[in-house]
Amino acid sequence: MGMNQTPVSERVHIGFFGKRNAGKSSVMNAVTGQDLAVVSDVKGTTTDPVYKTMELLPLGPVVMMDTPGIDDEGELGELRVKKSYQVLNKTDIAVVVIDGTCGVSEEDLKITERIQKKNIPYIIVLNKCERFTQEDERLRAQENTASYLKTEKEKILLVSAAEKSGIYELKEELGALKGKEGEERKIVGDLLEPSDFVVLVVPIDSAAPKGRLILPQQQTIRDILDADASAIVVKETELAGTLASLGRKPKMVITDSQVFGRVSKDTPKDILLTSFSILFARYKGNLETMVHGVKALDILEDGDKVLISEGCTHHRQCDDIGTVKIPRWLKEYTGKELIIETSSGTEFPDDLGSYKMIIHCGGCMLNEREMKYRISCAQDQGIPIANYGMVIAYIHGILKRSLSPFPEIEKLL
């Protein structure tokens, strides 16, 4: 991968959904101007999601995702449909392709409702519109589709992949939707005033290669500086002395979860205290879900299965937290005989139904989309999910305090 290429995680992901034979692959190929996806007259040629990374004007770097038909049948077909629905969790913009000559089906409605529920920006494409010879036929098709799918008429584009008509409009529309995505979020900067200062507590053995800080620590420092505030970085053993010698109170102390207990003791009650994992869960939009998820610890029973999932495979120390420390703390806290399973790296089970709870690492090695995907899969299947830092703080009775900067979330506990 060249240095000048946009990483996949940063690209806009556009998913194409629809029934077998609606022409998803043909529309996608017409948009990209290349024959990428398999196109044939046999129903249901795409059996697995197909991903294609490319530059697409006016959008810039994108990943196009072609999915299996949402009306696939039989046992295999059902699995494929499930895969298509899971692709929604990776989708920034959804394109639902409907065969204009057949009209809208139950399956089209179902996927559109799911897209609306997930607040994914979307476009409905009525394909094969070369068959509509009269203007009123086209209008009627558009109006019927809009009312059936409970959406605005502007969302429905008439396209002919065969004749390449309507494709330019589709690209422009995709470009316009992309523009609505990127609102600026802050890790901690929105809680700070210029000239505030923040103390960061970094345990010196925290999985970082010698001489470096791990990514969340770097990003947090950068965010503090961008807010015109200052950061002081200390080891957990230096915190008490540093606070005593500073002469004025920091606005906040941010700590690594592993030393939360000690840092909590050393930080006076009138100073806000939180952890990197809580700030990042908020930054990635998962904080509320995780706070609800962590409460599942109190209702676990003997024989319940818990999945401990690690985003990366190479941090010995994370492994140690996931495979040794958390299982031990779970046992101590719940007093129950739990069945603990672990997954690491890119393995994350599609079917989470057998688990009572999922405990995930902070996900700093996973891009935001992959992390959101995992959380959405858990939510779709009604399984509580929380991250390491929150579980550690909850078990040690300090989660409430570490949510003190966010009163609206704190009251959920």
Protein backbone atom coordinates (compact mmCIF):
# COMPACT_ATOMS: atom_id res chain seq x y z
CA MET A 1 0.00 0.00 0.00
CA GLY A 2 1.55 3.31 -1.06
CA MET A 3 2.11 6.10 1.45
CA ASN A 4 -0.17 8.35 -0.57
CA GLN A 5 -3.15 6.02 -0.39
CA THR A 6 -6.02 6.72 1.96
CA PRO A 7 -6.34 3.89 4.48
CA VAL A 8 -9.49 1.81 4.08
CA SER A 9 -10.72 2.90 7.52
CA GLU A 10 -10.82 6.54 6.41
CA ARG A 11 -12.63 5.93 3.13
CA VAL A 12 -16.35 6.46 2.68
CA HIS A 13 -18.00 3.02 2.54
CA ILE A 14 -20.87 2.81 0.05
CA GLY A 15 -23.01 -0.32 0.27
CA PHE A 16 -25.28 -1.55 -2.56
CA PHE A 17 -28.28 -3.59 -1.39
CA GLY A 18 -31.23 -5.14 -3.13
CA LYS A 19 -32.87 -8.30 -4.39
CA ARG A 20 -31.18 -10.83 -6.63
CA ASN A 21 -31.38 -9.64 -10.20
CA ALA A 22 -32.33 -6.05 -9.35
CA GLY A 23 -29.01 -5.12 -10.96
CA LYS A 24 -26.95 -4.11 -7.90
CA SER A 25 -23.68 -5.20 -9.48
CA SER A 26 -24.54 -3.54 -12.81
CA VAL A 27 -25.41 -0.24 -11.13
CA MET A 28 -22.24 -0.38 -9.06
CA ASN A 29 -20.18 -1.12 -12.17
CA ALA A 30 -21.84 1.75 -14.03
CA VAL A 31 -20.98 4.13 -11.17
CA THR A 32 -17.36 3.01 -11.04
CA GLY A 33 -17.01 2.71 -14.79
CA GLN A 34 -15.32 -0.66 -14.36
CA ASP A 35 -16.52 -4.24 -14.47
CA LEU A 36 -15.73 -5.17 -10.90
CA ALA A 37 -18.62 -7.12 -9.57
CA VAL A 38 -19.87 -10.30 -11.17
CA VAL A 39 -22.73 -9.55 -13.54
CA SER A 40 -24.82 -12.22 -15.19
CA ASP A 41 -28.45 -13.02 -15.82
CA VAL A 42 -28.41 -15.82 -13.29
CA LYS A 43 -30.22 -14.80 -10.12
CA GLY A 44 -27.98 -14.31 -7.14
CA THR A 45 -24.48 -14.38 -8.60
CA THR A 46 -22.98 -12.39 -5.73
CA THR A 47 -22.71 -14.88 -2.86
CA ASP A 48 -20.39 -12.93 -0.57
CA PRO A 49 -19.97 -9.21 -0.11
CA VAL A 50 -17.48 -7.85 -2.69
CA TYR A 51 -15.30 -4.91 -1.58
CA LYS A 52 -13.61 -2.60 -4.05
CA THR A 53 -11.35 0.29 -3.02
CA MET A 54 -11.16 3.18 -5.47
CA GLU A 55 -11.18 6.92 -6.13
CA LEU A 56 -14.59 8.12 -7.20
CA LEU A 57 -15.28 11.74 -8.15
CA PRO A 58 -16.87 13.80 -6.66
CA LEU A 59 -16.50 11.59 -3.59
CA GLY A 60 -12.79 10.97 -3.38
CA PRO A 61 -11.51 7.73 -1.82
CA VAL A 62 -14.29 5.18 -1.31
CA VAL A 63 -14.90 1.50 -0.69
CA MET A 64 -17.74 0.08 -2.79
CA MET A 65 -19.51 -2.90 -1.26
CA ASP A 66 -21.67 -5.21 -3.36
CA THR A 67 -23.84 -7.57 -1.31
CA PRO A 68 -25.75 -10.84 -1.80
CA GLY A 69 -29.46 -10.58 -2.70
CA ILE A 70 -31.71 -9.80 0.25
CA ASP A 71 -34.30 -12.27 -1.07
CA ASP A 72 -31.94 -15.26 -1.24
CA GLU A 73 -33.57 -18.56 -0.27
CA GLY A 74 -32.71 -21.81 1.43
CA GLU A 75 -30.34 -22.26 4.33
CA LEU A 76 -27.32 -20.87 2.50
CA GLY A 77 -29.42 -18.03 1.17
CA GLU A 78 -30.48 -17.06 4.67
CA LEU A 79 -26.86 -16.85 5.77
CA ARG A 80 -26.12 -14.62 2.78
CA VAL A 81 -29.03 -12.32 3.61
CA LYS A 82 -27.70 -12.08 7.16
CA LYS A 83 -24.28 -11.12 5.75
CA SER A 84 -25.87 -8.38 3.65
CA TYR A 85 -27.61 -6.97 6.71
CA GLN A 86 -24.32 -7.05 8.62
CA VAL A 87 -22.65 -5.03 5.85
CA LEU A 88 -25.07 -2.25 6.87
CA ASN A 89 -23.03 -1.89 10.04
CA LYS A 90 -20.01 -0.93 7.92
CA THR A 91 -21.94 1.38 5.61
CA ASP A 92 -21.63 5.18 5.50
CA ILE A 93 -24.01 5.59 2.55
CA ALA A 94 -26.49 2.94 1.42
CA VAL A 95 -27.81 2.49 -2.11
CA VAL A 96 -30.91 0.31 -2.39
CA VAL A 97 -31.30 -0.99 -5.94
CA ILE A 98 -34.82 -1.96 -7.00
CA ASP A 99 -35.86 -3.46 -10.33
CA GLY A 100 -38.06 -0.67 -11.70
CA THR A 101 -39.98 -3.11 -13.87
CA CYS A 102 -40.99 -5.31 -10.92
CA GLY A 103 -41.74 -2.56 -8.42
CA VAL A 104 -41.00 -2.54 -4.71
CA SER A 105 -41.09 -5.74 -2.67
CA GLU A 106 -41.43 -6.65 0.98
CA GLU A 107 -37.64 -7.26 1.15
CA ASP A 108 -36.90 -3.79 -0.24
CA LEU A 109 -39.14 -2.28 2.40
CA LYS A 110 -37.50 -4.29 5.17
CA ILE A 111 -33.95 -3.27 4.30
CA THR A 112 -34.97 0.36 3.78
CA GLU A 113 -36.61 0.43 7.21
CA ARG A 114 -33.46 -1.00 8.77
CA ILE A 115 -31.34 1.65 7.01
CA GLN A 116 -33.68 4.40 8.24
CA LYS A 117 -33.58 3.00 11.77
CA LYS A 118 -29.79 3.01 11.74
CA ASN A 119 -29.78 6.61 10.46
CA ILE A 120 -27.60 5.72 7.47
CA PRO A 121 -27.85 8.30 4.64
CA TYR A 122 -29.37 6.47 1.64
CA ILE A 123 -30.52 6.66 -1.97
CA ILE A 124 -33.11 4.44 -3.67
CA VAL A 125 -32.27 3.51 -7.25
CA LEU A 126 -35.00 2.30 -9.60
CA ASN A 127 -32.95 0.37 -12.15
CA LYS A 128 -33.91 -0.83 -15.67
CA CYS A 129 -35.74 2.45 -16.32
CA GLU A 130 -35.00 2.24 -20.02
CA ARG A 131 -38.19 0.15 -20.07
CA PHE A 132 -40.30 3.18 -19.10
CA THR A 133 -41.02 4.86 -22.39
CA GLN A 134 -43.55 7.42 -21.12
CA GLU A 135 -42.77 10.27 -18.71
CA ASP A 136 -45.90 9.50 -16.67
CA GLU A 137 -44.76 5.89 -16.19
CA ARG A 138 -41.52 7.20 -14.70
CA LEU A 139 -43.32 9.61 -12.38
CA ARG A 140 -45.76 6.95 -11.28
CA ALA A 141 -42.96 4.52 -10.49
CA GLN A 142 -41.18 7.21 -8.47
CA GLU A 143 -44.30 8.19 -6.51
CA ASN A 144 -45.35 4.61 -5.79
CA THR A 145 -41.87 3.76 -4.56
CA ALA A 146 -41.73 6.84 -2.34
CA SER A 147 -45.04 6.14 -0.69
CA TYR A 148 -44.39 2.41 -0.22
CA LEU A 149 -40.94 3.00 1.30
CA LYS A 150 -42.17 6.00 3.35
CA THR A 151 -39.50 8.29 1.98
CA GLU A 152 -39.22 11.54 -0.01
CA LYS A 153 -39.45 11.50 -3.78
CA GLU A 154 -36.03 13.22 -4.02
CA LYS A 155 -34.41 10.10 -2.59
CA ILE A 156 -35.54 8.03 -5.59
CA LEU A 157 -33.39 8.10 -8.70
CA LEU A 158 -34.39 6.57 -12.02
CA VAL A 159 -31.40 4.82 -13.54
CA SER A 160 -30.58 2.50 -16.38
CA ALA A 161 -27.36 0.60 -15.73
CA ALA A 162 -27.68 -0.92 -19.20
CA GLU A 163 -27.82 2.46 -20.94
CA LYS A 164 -25.75 4.30 -18.29
CA SER A 165 -28.50 6.89 -17.84
CA GLY A 166 -29.02 8.51 -14.43
CA ILE A 167 -25.53 7.40 -13.34
CA TYR A 168 -24.06 10.90 -13.31
CA GLU A 169 -26.95 12.05 -11.07
CA LEU A 170 -26.37 9.10 -8.78
CA LYS A 171 -22.70 10.04 -8.35
CA GLU A 172 -23.58 13.67 -7.65
CA GLU A 173 -26.16 12.56 -5.09
CA LEU A 174 -23.60 10.29 -3.39
CA GLY A 175 -21.20 13.24 -3.28
CA ALA A 176 -23.83 15.44 -1.65
CA LEU A 177 -24.57 12.82 1.03
CA LYS A 178 -20.91 12.41 1.84
CA GLY A 179 -20.67 16.12 2.61
CA LYS A 180 -23.16 15.71 5.45
CA GLU A 181 -20.96 13.27 7.36
CA GLY A 182 -17.91 14.84 8.86
CA GLU A 183 -18.83 16.91 11.89
CA GLU A 184 -15.84 17.61 14.12
CA ARG A 185 -15.73 15.66 17.35
CA LYS A 186 -13.36 16.20 20.22
CA ILE A 187 -11.83 13.66 22.57
CA VAL A 188 -11.71 16.06 25.50
CA GLY A 189 -11.26 19.54 23.97
CA ASP A 190 -14.94 20.45 24.26
CA LEU A 191 -14.65 20.15 28.07
CA LEU A 192 -11.71 22.56 28.28
CA GLU A 193 -11.24 26.34 28.26
CA PRO A 194 -8.08 27.94 26.90
CA SER A 195 -5.34 27.99 29.59
CA ASP A 196 -6.86 24.99 31.47
CA PHE A 197 -4.42 22.24 32.18
CA VAL A 198 -4.92 18.50 32.34
CA VAL A 199 -2.84 15.81 34.03
CA LEU A 200 -2.46 12.53 32.11
CA VAL A 201 -1.43 9.45 34.04
CA VAL A 202 0.42 6.89 31.97
CA PRO A 203 1.68 3.69 33.63
CA ILE A 204 5.15 3.16 32.35
CA ASP A 205 4.63 -0.49 31.45
CA SER A 206 1.47 0.20 29.44
CA ALA A 207 2.01 -1.95 26.35
CA ALA A 208 3.86 0.85 24.57
CA PRO A 209 7.09 0.06 22.76
CA LYS A 210 10.06 1.58 24.58
CA GLY A 211 10.24 5.33 24.20
CA ARG A 212 6.72 5.78 22.84
CA LEU A 213 3.21 6.60 23.98
CA ILE A 214 0.32 4.51 22.71
CA LEU A 215 -2.01 6.05 20.14
CA PRO A 216 -4.91 7.08 22.43
CA GLN A 217 -2.46 8.95 24.65
CA GLN A 218 -0.93 10.79 21.69
CA GLN A 219 -4.35 11.68 20.29
CA THR A 220 -5.55 12.98 23.65
CA ILE A 221 -2.49 15.21 24.09
CA ARG A 222 -2.96 16.57 20.56
CA ASP A 223 -6.63 17.30 21.29
CA ILE A 224 -5.77 19.14 24.53
CA LEU A 225 -3.21 21.29 22.68
CA ASP A 226 -5.74 22.03 19.93
CA ALA A 227 -8.05 23.42 22.62
CA ASP A 228 -5.29 25.86 23.69
CA ALA A 229 -4.92 24.02 26.98
CA SER A 230 -1.81 22.32 28.44
CA ALA A 231 -1.07 18.70 29.24
CA ILE A 232 1.19 17.39 31.98
CA VAL A 233 2.08 13.72 31.64
CA VAL A 234 3.11 11.74 34.74
CA LYS A 235 3.58 8.15 35.89
CA GLU A 236 1.08 6.88 38.46
CA THR A 237 3.79 6.96 41.15
CA GLU A 238 4.38 10.69 40.57
CA LEU A 239 0.75 11.86 40.56
CA ALA A 240 0.32 12.75 44.26
CA GLY A 241 3.60 14.68 44.37
CA THR A 242 2.85 16.49 41.12
CA LEU A 243 -0.64 17.59 42.24
CA ALA A 244 0.83 18.86 45.53
CA SER A 245 3.57 20.87 43.85
CA LEU A 246 1.55 22.41 41.00
CA GLY A 247 0.13 25.32 42.96
CA ARG A 248 -3.21 25.25 41.15
CA LYS A 249 -5.81 22.62 40.44
CA PRO A 250 -5.88 20.91 37.07
CA LYS A 251 -9.21 20.94 35.28
CA MET A 252 -9.09 17.16 35.01
CA VAL A 253 -7.01 14.04 35.53
CA ILE A 254 -7.13 11.39 32.79
CA THR A 255 -5.72 7.97 33.59
CA ASP A 256 -5.08 4.59 32.09
CA SER A 257 -7.77 2.20 33.41
CA GLN A 258 -5.24 -0.23 34.83
CA VAL A 259 -4.11 2.19 37.54
CA PHE A 260 -7.53 3.73 38.10
CA GLY A 261 -7.78 2.56 41.72
CA ARG A 262 -4.54 4.16 42.79
CA VAL A 263 -5.13 7.35 40.78
CA SER A 264 -8.62 7.71 42.24
CA LYS A 265 -7.14 7.66 45.76
CA ASP A 266 -4.51 10.24 44.83
CA THR A 267 -6.85 12.65 43.05
CA PRO A 268 -8.80 14.99 45.36
CA LYS A 269 -12.58 14.63 45.02
CA ASP A 270 -13.02 18.17 43.67
CA ILE A 271 -10.98 17.41 40.55
CA LEU A 272 -12.72 15.72 37.59
CA LEU A 273 -11.30 12.29 36.94
CA THR A 274 -11.83 10.03 33.94
CA SER A 275 -10.00 7.42 31.86
CA PHE A 276 -8.76 7.15 28.30
CA SER A 277 -11.19 4.31 27.59
CA ILE A 278 -14.18 6.38 28.71
CA LEU A 279 -13.07 9.39 26.63
CA PHE A 280 -12.62 7.19 23.57
CA ALA A 281 -15.94 5.42 24.01
CA ARG A 282 -17.54 8.86 24.05
CA TYR A 283 -15.44 10.04 21.10
CA LYS A 284 -16.57 7.05 19.06
CA GLY A 285 -20.20 7.50 20.10
CA ASN A 286 -20.43 4.32 22.19
CA LEU A 287 -20.42 5.59 25.75
CA GLU A 288 -24.12 5.23 26.47
CA THR A 289 -24.30 1.70 25.01
CA MET A 290 -21.28 0.66 27.06
CA VAL A 291 -22.70 2.07 30.30
CA HIS A 292 -25.91 0.10 29.74
CA GLY A 293 -23.80 -2.93 28.80
CA VAL A 294 -21.62 -2.91 31.90
CA LYS A 295 -24.67 -3.32 34.15
CA ALA A 296 -25.08 -6.86 32.78
CA LEU A 297 -22.26 -7.83 35.18
CA ASP A 298 -24.82 -7.78 37.97
CA ILE A 299 -27.17 -10.31 36.39
CA LEU A 300 -24.73 -12.98 35.24
CA GLU A 301 -25.53 -16.51 36.44
CA ASP A 302 -23.59 -19.77 36.75
CA GLY A 303 -22.96 -21.28 33.33
CA ASP A 304 -23.45 -17.99 31.40
CA LYS A 305 -21.10 -17.46 28.46
CA VAL A 306 -19.08 -14.24 28.26
CA LEU A 307 -17.04 -13.28 25.19
CA ILE A 308 -13.84 -11.34 25.83
CA SER A 309 -12.78 -9.84 22.53
CA GLU A 310 -9.40 -8.35 21.74
CA GLY A 311 -9.04 -6.02 18.75
CA CYS A 312 -5.38 -6.72 18.11
CA THR A 313 -3.27 -9.83 18.28
CA HIS A 314 0.12 -8.42 19.13
CA HIS A 315 -0.06 -6.72 22.53
CA ARG A 316 1.15 -9.30 25.01
CA GLN A 317 -0.07 -7.08 27.75
CA CYS A 318 -3.60 -6.63 26.44
CA ASP A 319 -3.69 -10.41 26.14
CA ASP A 320 -2.77 -10.56 29.77
CA ILE A 321 -5.66 -8.24 30.67
CA GLY A 322 -8.14 -10.11 28.48
CA THR A 323 -7.11 -13.65 29.29
CA VAL A 324 -5.92 -13.37 32.89
CA LYS A 325 -6.95 -10.24 34.78
CA ILE A 326 -10.52 -9.67 33.57
CA PRO A 327 -11.55 -13.34 33.97
CA ARG A 328 -10.13 -13.26 37.50
CA TRP A 329 -11.93 -10.01 38.39
CA LEU A 330 -15.18 -11.30 36.86
CA LYS A 331 -14.99 -14.38 39.05
CA GLU A 332 -14.27 -12.32 42.16
CA TYR A 333 -16.98 -9.75 41.42
CA THR A 334 -19.82 -12.05 40.36
CA GLY A 335 -18.97 -15.10 42.46
CA LYS A 336 -20.36 -17.17 39.56
CA GLU A 337 -18.90 -19.97 37.46
CA LEU A 338 -18.86 -18.32 34.04
CA ILE A 339 -17.84 -19.83 30.72
CA ILE A 340 -15.34 -17.41 29.21
CA GLU A 341 -14.47 -17.45 25.53
CA THR A 342 -11.97 -15.15 23.84
CA SER A 343 -11.53 -13.86 20.31
CA SER A 344 -8.73 -11.71 18.97
CA GLY A 345 -7.78 -9.67 15.96
CA THR A 346 -10.22 -9.85 13.10
CA GLU A 347 -12.09 -12.91 14.37
CA PHE A 348 -15.38 -11.72 15.77
CA PRO A 349 -18.26 -14.19 15.74
CA ASP A 350 -21.21 -13.40 13.42
CA ASP A 351 -23.63 -15.07 15.77
CA LEU A 352 -23.49 -13.65 19.29
CA GLY A 353 -26.74 -15.23 20.46
CA SER A 354 -25.14 -17.64 22.93
CA TYR A 355 -23.35 -14.92 24.94
CA LYS A 356 -24.83 -13.12 27.93
CA MET A 357 -22.29 -10.32 27.62
CA ILE A 358 -19.40 -9.12 25.46
CA ILE A 359 -16.38 -7.40 26.95
CA HIS A 360 -14.28 -5.74 24.23
CA CYS A 361 -10.88 -4.09 24.42
CA GLY A 362 -10.78 -0.33 23.86
CA GLY A 363 -10.40 -1.03 20.15
CA CYS A 364 -7.53 1.41 19.63
CA MET A 365 -6.09 -0.89 16.95
CA LEU A 366 -9.45 -1.23 15.19
CA ASN A 367 -10.71 1.58 13.08
CA GLU A 368 -13.86 3.27 14.23
CA ARG A 369 -15.99 1.54 11.60
CA GLU A 370 -14.92 -1.95 12.65
CA MET A 371 -15.55 -1.11 16.30
CA LYS A 372 -18.98 0.37 15.47
CA TYR A 373 -19.70 -2.73 13.40
CA ARG A 374 -19.04 -4.99 16.39
CA ILE A 375 -21.12 -2.84 18.72
CA SER A 376 -23.97 -2.68 16.19
CA CYS A 377 -23.88 -6.47 15.76
CA ALA A 378 -24.22 -6.83 19.53
CA GLN A 379 -27.06 -4.27 19.64
CA ASP A 380 -28.87 -5.90 16.70
CA GLN A 381 -28.79 -9.19 18.60
CA GLY A 382 -29.66 -7.63 21.96
CA ILE A 383 -26.38 -8.61 23.66
CA PRO A 384 -24.92 -6.18 26.27
CA ILE A 385 -21.41 -4.96 25.36
CA ALA A 386 -18.88 -2.95 27.38
CA ASN A 387 -15.16 -2.27 27.07
CA TYR A 388 -12.25 -3.33 29.29
CA GLY A 389 -11.82 0.07 30.91
CA MET A 390 -15.47 0.36 31.89
CA VAL A 391 -15.66 -3.18 33.22
CA ILE A 392 -12.51 -2.61 35.28
CA ALA A 393 -13.85 0.68 36.67
CA TYR A 394 -17.30 -0.82 37.41
CA ILE A 395 -15.90 -3.89 39.19
CA HIS A 396 -13.69 -1.65 41.33
CA GLY A 397 -16.58 0.66 42.15
CA ILE A 398 -15.10 3.74 40.48
CA LEU A 399 -17.04 3.95 37.22
CA LYS A 400 -19.45 6.49 38.64
CA ARG A 401 -16.62 8.81 39.54
CA SER A 402 -14.95 8.38 36.17
CA LEU A 403 -18.16 9.48 34.44
CA SER A 404 -18.27 12.67 36.52
CA PRO A 405 -17.33 14.89 33.54
CA PHE A 406 -20.51 13.62 31.79
CA PRO A 407 -23.42 14.07 34.21
CA GLU A 408 -26.05 13.01 31.64
CA ILE A 409 -24.32 9.61 31.25
CA GLU A 410 -23.46 9.29 34.95
CA LYS A 411 -27.12 9.20 35.89
CA LEU A 412 -27.63 6.05 33.78
CA LEU A 413 -25.70 4.03 36.37
